[in-house]
Amino acid sequence: EGLFMQKEIEISEKGTELLLKVFQLEKLIRKYKVQLSVILILIVGAVIGVNVKSYIDEQQLIKTNEAYNRLLQNPNDKKALEILKENRKLYNLYLLKTGADDIKKLEEVAKARGIVGNIAEYQIASLKGDIKSLENYSLTIGAIHKDLANLNLVRLYLAENNYKKAEETAKLIEAPNLAQIADGLLHYGIVK
């Protein structure tokens, strides 16, 4: 019976401690009621704001994708073109696709950072077809089509009878299939 009483006292003491902590918590909540309410409202507002922003961005992306598809079907759709301009990345992709042989359009795309801009830079150098443009592109850090530019340079050097420079440039080509083509150009002296 003594053991039973002792356990009951321990349980009663733990219950009392818990009750005291609850009262202290209630006292803190009452004391900082306004601040806690403001924090809660800010958290709820932030969650709602993030979700609304995400929804708006998604709807804008859908709208510009639809405009892109309409322009591919009808390049004269001025309304779709204006909508597409709202998404610069997709607009640049459209210009790259439709202006593959228009240096002015490609120069606009080349201003963009990333893959699309890099591809446009190569396309410009390739269209110009001169050694300086292709050399500048091939020396660009992160040039995606560096090997293609170097292959074109090999051809141009051979056309100028600069066999030594053509050989040096061919050695820079890393892609095995393009290196093989460059070797063929060097071996047979093919220029065109």
C-alpha atoms as a PDB file:
ATOM      1  CA  GLU A   1       0.000   0.000   0.000  1.00  0.00           C
ATOM      2  CA  GLY A   2       2.930   2.369   0.687  1.00  0.00           C
ATOM      3  CA  LEU A   3       4.282   1.788  -2.797  1.00  0.00           C
ATOM      4  CA  PHE A   4       0.869   2.473  -4.264  1.00  0.00           C
ATOM      5  CA  MET A   5       0.583   5.756  -2.322  1.00  0.00           C
ATOM      6  CA  GLN A   6       4.070   6.807  -3.401  1.00  0.00           C
ATOM      7  CA  LYS A   7       3.225   6.240  -7.116  1.00  0.00           C
ATOM      8  CA  GLU A   8      -0.016   8.148  -6.703  1.00  0.00           C
ATOM      9  CA  ILE A   9       1.869  11.062  -5.177  1.00  0.00           C
ATOM     10  CA  GLU A  10       4.395  11.018  -8.069  1.00  0.00           C
ATOM     11  CA  ILE A  11       1.574  10.986 -10.618  1.00  0.00           C
ATOM     12  CA  SER A  12      -0.156  13.804  -8.743  1.00  0.00           C
ATOM     13  CA  GLU A  13       3.079  15.851  -8.685  1.00  0.00           C
ATOM     14  CA  LYS A  14       3.616  15.297 -12.428  1.00  0.00           C
ATOM     15  CA  GLY A  15       0.022  16.314 -13.103  1.00  0.00           C
ATOM     16  CA  THR A  16       0.486  19.437 -11.014  1.00  0.00           C
ATOM     17  CA  GLU A  17       3.703  20.317 -12.878  1.00  0.00           C
ATOM     18  CA  LEU A  18       1.938  19.831 -16.195  1.00  0.00           C
ATOM     19  CA  LEU A  19      -0.966  21.985 -15.048  1.00  0.00           C
ATOM     20  CA  LEU A  20       1.464  24.729 -13.934  1.00  0.00           C
ATOM     21  CA  LYS A  21       3.203  24.642 -17.331  1.00  0.00           C
ATOM     22  CA  VAL A  22      -0.155  24.897 -19.102  1.00  0.00           C
ATOM     23  CA  PHE A  23      -1.052  27.929 -16.988  1.00  0.00           C
ATOM     24  CA  GLN A  24       2.339  29.522 -17.706  1.00  0.00           C
ATOM     25  CA  LEU A  25       1.844  28.898 -21.413  1.00  0.00           C
ATOM     26  CA  GLU A  26      -1.621  30.416 -21.250  1.00  0.00           C
ATOM     27  CA  LYS A  27      -0.184  33.426 -19.442  1.00  0.00           C
ATOM     28  CA  LEU A  28       2.491  33.844 -22.167  1.00  0.00           C
ATOM     29  CA  ILE A  29      -0.133  33.526 -24.909  1.00  0.00           C
ATOM     30  CA  ARG A  30      -2.273  36.208 -23.271  1.00  0.00           C
ATOM     31  CA  LYS A  31       0.758  38.460 -22.791  1.00  0.00           C
ATOM     32  CA  TYR A  32       1.918  38.129 -26.424  1.00  0.00           C
ATOM     33  CA  LYS A  33      -1.492  37.623 -28.021  1.00  0.00           C
ATOM     34  CA  VAL A  34      -1.130  40.451 -30.546  1.00  0.00           C
ATOM     35  CA  GLN A  35       2.401  39.503 -31.594  1.00  0.00           C
ATOM     36  CA  LEU A  36       1.488  35.829 -32.007  1.00  0.00           C
ATOM     37  CA  SER A  37      -1.604  36.780 -34.006  1.00  0.00           C
ATOM     38  CA  VAL A  38       0.498  38.983 -36.307  1.00  0.00           C
ATOM     39  CA  ILE A  39       3.051  36.184 -36.828  1.00  0.00           C
ATOM     40  CA  LEU A  40       0.295  33.692 -37.607  1.00  0.00           C
ATOM     41  CA  ILE A  41      -1.342  36.102 -40.059  1.00  0.00           C
ATOM     42  CA  LEU A  42       2.024  36.743 -41.749  1.00  0.00           C
ATOM     43  CA  ILE A  43       2.703  33.014 -42.113  1.00  0.00           C
ATOM     44  CA  VAL A  44      -0.761  32.360 -43.567  1.00  0.00           C
ATOM     45  CA  GLY A  45      -0.375  35.397 -45.869  1.00  0.00           C
ATOM     46  CA  ALA A  46       3.034  34.211 -47.069  1.00  0.00           C
ATOM     47  CA  VAL A  47       1.725  30.721 -47.843  1.00  0.00           C
ATOM     48  CA  ILE A  48      -1.234  32.166 -49.742  1.00  0.00           C
ATOM     49  CA  GLY A  49       1.043  34.637 -51.587  1.00  0.00           C
ATOM     50  CA  VAL A  50       3.463  31.921 -52.678  1.00  0.00           C
ATOM     51  CA  ASN A  51       0.605  29.756 -53.952  1.00  0.00           C
ATOM     52  CA  VAL A  52      -1.015  32.639 -55.833  1.00  0.00           C
ATOM     53  CA  LYS A  53       2.337  33.622 -57.420  1.00  0.00           C
ATOM     54  CA  SER A  54       2.953  30.021 -58.445  1.00  0.00           C
ATOM     55  CA  TYR A  55      -0.531  29.797 -60.001  1.00  0.00           C
ATOM     56  CA  ILE A  56      -0.069  33.080 -61.912  1.00  0.00           C
ATOM     57  CA  ASP A  57       3.349  31.969 -63.210  1.00  0.00           C
ATOM     58  CA  GLU A  58       1.915  28.643 -64.339  1.00  0.00           C
ATOM     59  CA  GLN A  59      -0.962  30.337 -66.169  1.00  0.00           C
ATOM     60  CA  GLN A  60       1.469  32.735 -67.868  1.00  0.00           C
ATOM     61  CA  LEU A  61       3.631  29.813 -68.970  1.00  0.00           C
ATOM     62  CA  ILE A  62       0.595  28.012 -70.415  1.00  0.00           C
ATOM     63  CA  LYS A  63      -0.438  31.201 -72.235  1.00  0.00           C
ATOM     64  CA  THR A  64       3.007  31.739 -73.793  1.00  0.00           C
ATOM     65  CA  ASN A  65       3.332  28.064 -74.750  1.00  0.00           C
ATOM     66  CA  GLU A  66       0.003  28.273 -76.556  1.00  0.00           C
ATOM     67  CA  ALA A  67       1.203  31.440 -78.326  1.00  0.00           C
ATOM     68  CA  TYR A  68       4.419  29.636 -79.350  1.00  0.00           C
ATOM     69  CA  ASN A  69       2.422  26.764 -80.849  1.00  0.00           C
ATOM     70  CA  ARG A  70       0.099  29.184 -82.684  1.00  0.00           C
ATOM     71  CA  LEU A  71       3.104  31.018 -84.131  1.00  0.00           C
ATOM     72  CA  LEU A  72       4.627  27.793 -85.379  1.00  0.00           C
ATOM     73  CA  GLN A  73       1.379  27.108 -87.233  1.00  0.00           C
ATOM     74  CA  ASN A  74       0.861  30.715 -88.366  1.00  0.00           C
ATOM     75  CA  PRO A  75       3.988  32.930 -88.299  1.00  0.00           C
ATOM     76  CA  ASN A  76       1.849  36.000 -89.159  1.00  0.00           C
ATOM     77  CA  ASP A  77      -0.158  35.861 -85.900  1.00  0.00           C
ATOM     78  CA  LYS A  78       0.817  39.252 -84.403  1.00  0.00           C
ATOM     79  CA  LYS A  79      -1.217  38.745 -81.219  1.00  0.00           C
ATOM     80  CA  ALA A  80       0.538  35.442 -80.486  1.00  0.00           C
ATOM     81  CA  LEU A  81       3.901  37.114 -81.143  1.00  0.00           C
ATOM     82  CA  GLU A  82       3.158  39.851 -78.593  1.00  0.00           C
ATOM     83  CA  ILE A  83       2.122  37.251 -76.012  1.00  0.00           C
ATOM     84  CA  LEU A  84       5.247  35.207 -76.713  1.00  0.00           C
ATOM     85  CA  LYS A  85       7.483  38.237 -76.108  1.00  0.00           C
ATOM     86  CA  GLU A  86       6.377  38.098 -72.455  1.00  0.00           C
ATOM     87  CA  ASN A  87       8.432  34.900 -72.054  1.00  0.00           C
ATOM     88  CA  ARG A  88      11.886  35.959 -73.232  1.00  0.00           C
ATOM     89  CA  LYS A  89      13.377  32.443 -73.176  1.00  0.00           C
ATOM     90  CA  LEU A  90      10.618  30.960 -75.300  1.00  0.00           C
ATOM     91  CA  TYR A  91      10.665  34.002 -77.596  1.00  0.00           C
ATOM     92  CA  ASN A  92      14.416  33.524 -78.131  1.00  0.00           C
ATOM     93  CA  LEU A  93      13.839  29.861 -78.921  1.00  0.00           C
ATOM     94  CA  TYR A  94      11.203  30.875 -81.472  1.00  0.00           C
ATOM     95  CA  LEU A  95      13.583  33.407 -83.063  1.00  0.00           C
ATOM     96  CA  LEU A  96      16.322  30.786 -83.213  1.00  0.00           C
ATOM     97  CA  LYS A  97      13.984  28.288 -84.858  1.00  0.00           C
ATOM     98  CA  THR A  98      12.476  30.691 -87.376  1.00  0.00           C
ATOM     99  CA  GLY A  99      15.495  32.900 -87.991  1.00  0.00           C
ATOM    100  CA  ALA A 100      18.170  30.273 -88.485  1.00  0.00           C
ATOM    101  CA  ASP A 101      19.504  32.148 -91.526  1.00  0.00           C
ATOM    102  CA  ASP A 102      18.697  35.720 -90.429  1.00  0.00           C
ATOM    103  CA  ILE A 103      21.742  37.260 -88.747  1.00  0.00           C
ATOM    104  CA  LYS A 104      19.719  40.184 -87.342  1.00  0.00           C
ATOM    105  CA  LYS A 105      17.299  37.847 -85.525  1.00  0.00           C
ATOM    106  CA  LEU A 106      20.161  35.635 -84.390  1.00  0.00           C
ATOM    107  CA  GLU A 107      22.068  38.613 -82.982  1.00  0.00           C
ATOM    108  CA  GLU A 108      19.038  39.430 -80.833  1.00  0.00           C
ATOM    109  CA  VAL A 109      18.958  35.844 -79.567  1.00  0.00           C
ATOM    110  CA  ALA A 110      22.731  35.786 -79.034  1.00  0.00           C
ATOM    111  CA  LYS A 111      22.335  38.460 -76.344  1.00  0.00           C
ATOM    112  CA  ALA A 112      20.605  35.840 -74.205  1.00  0.00           C
ATOM    113  CA  ARG A 113      22.611  33.787 -71.772  1.00  0.00           C
ATOM    114  CA  GLY A 114      22.602  30.018 -71.866  1.00  0.00           C
ATOM    115  CA  ILE A 115      22.235  27.365 -74.499  1.00  0.00           C
ATOM    116  CA  VAL A 116      19.956  29.217 -76.903  1.00  0.00           C
ATOM    117  CA  GLY A 117      22.221  32.279 -76.962  1.00  0.00           C
ATOM    118  CA  ASN A 118      25.269  30.065 -77.456  1.00  0.00           C
ATOM    119  CA  ILE A 119      23.667  28.236 -80.371  1.00  0.00           C
ATOM    120  CA  ALA A 120      22.743  31.593 -81.926  1.00  0.00           C
ATOM    121  CA  GLU A 121      26.368  32.751 -81.601  1.00  0.00           C
ATOM    122  CA  TYR A 122      27.542  29.654 -83.462  1.00  0.00           C
ATOM    123  CA  GLN A 123      24.876  30.098 -86.139  1.00  0.00           C
ATOM    124  CA  ILE A 124      25.969  33.718 -86.687  1.00  0.00           C
ATOM    125  CA  ALA A 125      29.629  32.712 -86.996  1.00  0.00           C
ATOM    126  CA  SER A 126      28.681  29.906 -89.362  1.00  0.00           C
ATOM    127  CA  LEU A 127      26.518  32.167 -91.539  1.00  0.00           C
ATOM    128  CA  LYS A 128      29.237  34.801 -91.745  1.00  0.00           C
ATOM    129  CA  GLY A 129      31.563  31.982 -92.755  1.00  0.00           C
ATOM    130  CA  ASP A 130      34.738  33.919 -92.109  1.00  0.00           C
ATOM    131  CA  ILE A 131      37.736  32.763 -90.127  1.00  0.00           C
ATOM    132  CA  LYS A 132      37.602  35.580 -87.568  1.00  0.00           C
ATOM    133  CA  SER A 133      33.970  34.897 -86.588  1.00  0.00           C
ATOM    134  CA  LEU A 134      34.517  31.163 -86.270  1.00  0.00           C
ATOM    135  CA  GLU A 135      37.763  31.618 -84.329  1.00  0.00           C
ATOM    136  CA  ASN A 136      36.070  34.008 -81.910  1.00  0.00           C
ATOM    137  CA  TYR A 137      33.253  31.536 -81.355  1.00  0.00           C
ATOM    138  CA  SER A 138      35.579  28.551 -80.905  1.00  0.00           C
ATOM    139  CA  LEU A 139      37.538  30.473 -78.262  1.00  0.00           C
ATOM    140  CA  THR A 140      34.367  31.269 -76.303  1.00  0.00           C
ATOM    141  CA  ILE A 141      34.317  29.533 -72.940  1.00  0.00           C
ATOM    142  CA  GLY A 142      31.528  26.964 -72.903  1.00  0.00           C
ATOM    143  CA  ALA A 143      30.990  27.073 -76.666  1.00  0.00           C
ATOM    144  CA  ILE A 144      28.527  24.263 -77.367  1.00  0.00           C
ATOM    145  CA  HIS A 145      29.420  23.861 -81.040  1.00  0.00           C
ATOM    146  CA  LYS A 146      33.148  24.437 -80.621  1.00  0.00           C
ATOM    147  CA  ASP A 147      34.010  21.280 -82.582  1.00  0.00           C
ATOM    148  CA  LEU A 148      31.728  22.268 -85.460  1.00  0.00           C
ATOM    149  CA  ALA A 149      33.324  25.725 -85.546  1.00  0.00           C
ATOM    150  CA  ASN A 150      36.780  24.136 -85.599  1.00  0.00           C
ATOM    151  CA  LEU A 151      35.733  21.789 -88.407  1.00  0.00           C
ATOM    152  CA  ASN A 152      34.568  24.788 -90.434  1.00  0.00           C
ATOM    153  CA  LEU A 153      37.884  26.481 -89.646  1.00  0.00           C
ATOM    154  CA  VAL A 154      39.814  23.467 -90.962  1.00  0.00           C
ATOM    155  CA  ARG A 155      37.885  23.780 -94.228  1.00  0.00           C
ATOM    156  CA  LEU A 156      38.524  27.541 -94.453  1.00  0.00           C
ATOM    157  CA  TYR A 157      42.237  27.175 -93.679  1.00  0.00           C
ATOM    158  CA  LEU A 158      42.540  24.543 -96.397  1.00  0.00           C
ATOM    159  CA  ALA A 159      40.783  26.900 -98.820  1.00  0.00           C
ATOM    160  CA  GLU A 160      43.500  29.467 -98.034  1.00  0.00           C
ATOM    161  CA  ASN A 161      46.197  26.784 -98.441  1.00  0.00           C
ATOM    162  CA  ASN A 162      47.152  27.178 -94.781  1.00  0.00           C
ATOM    163  CA  TYR A 163      47.693  23.469 -94.149  1.00  0.00           C
ATOM    164  CA  LYS A 164      49.639  23.983 -90.909  1.00  0.00           C
ATOM    165  CA  LYS A 165      46.836  26.017 -89.282  1.00  0.00           C
ATOM    166  CA  ALA A 166      44.267  23.492 -90.553  1.00  0.00           C
ATOM    167  CA  GLU A 167      46.218  20.658 -88.886  1.00  0.00           C
ATOM    168  CA  GLU A 168      46.525  22.565 -85.593  1.00  0.00           C
ATOM    169  CA  THR A 169      42.816  23.292 -85.570  1.00  0.00           C
ATOM    170  CA  ALA A 170      41.907  19.693 -86.430  1.00  0.00           C
ATOM    171  CA  LYS A 171      43.790  18.540 -83.329  1.00  0.00           C
ATOM    172  CA  LEU A 172      41.476  20.692 -81.181  1.00  0.00           C
ATOM    173  CA  ILE A 173      38.382  18.760 -82.272  1.00  0.00           C
ATOM    174  CA  GLU A 174      37.287  16.413 -79.478  1.00  0.00           C
ATOM    175  CA  ALA A 175      34.199  14.751 -80.967  1.00  0.00           C
ATOM    176  CA  PRO A 176      35.434  11.530 -82.640  1.00  0.00           C
ATOM    177  CA  ASN A 177      33.090  11.697 -85.627  1.00  0.00           C
ATOM    178  CA  LEU A 178      33.990  15.333 -86.385  1.00  0.00           C
ATOM    179  CA  ALA A 179      37.695  14.647 -85.843  1.00  0.00           C
ATOM    180  CA  GLN A 180      37.395  11.856 -88.402  1.00  0.00           C
ATOM    181  CA  ILE A 181      35.816  14.248 -90.911  1.00  0.00           C
ATOM    182  CA  ALA A 182      38.583  16.801 -90.256  1.00  0.00           C
ATOM    183  CA  ASP A 183      41.207  14.104 -90.816  1.00  0.00           C
ATOM    184  CA  GLY A 184      39.505  13.236 -94.104  1.00  0.00           C
ATOM    185  CA  LEU A 185      39.543  16.874 -95.163  1.00  0.00           C
ATOM    186  CA  LEU A 186      43.234  17.124 -94.313  1.00  0.00           C
ATOM    187  CA  HIS A 187      44.123  13.850 -95.985  1.00  0.00           C
ATOM    188  CA  TYR A 188      42.303  14.485 -99.230  1.00  0.00           C
ATOM    189  CA  GLY A 189      42.696  18.265 -99.186  1.00  0.00           C
ATOM    190  CA  ILE A 190      38.969  18.692 -99.682  1.00  0.00           C
ATOM    191  CA  VAL A 191      37.981  22.326 -99.426  1.00  0.00           C
ATOM    192  CA  LYS A 192      34.280  22.563-100.264  1.00  0.00           C
END
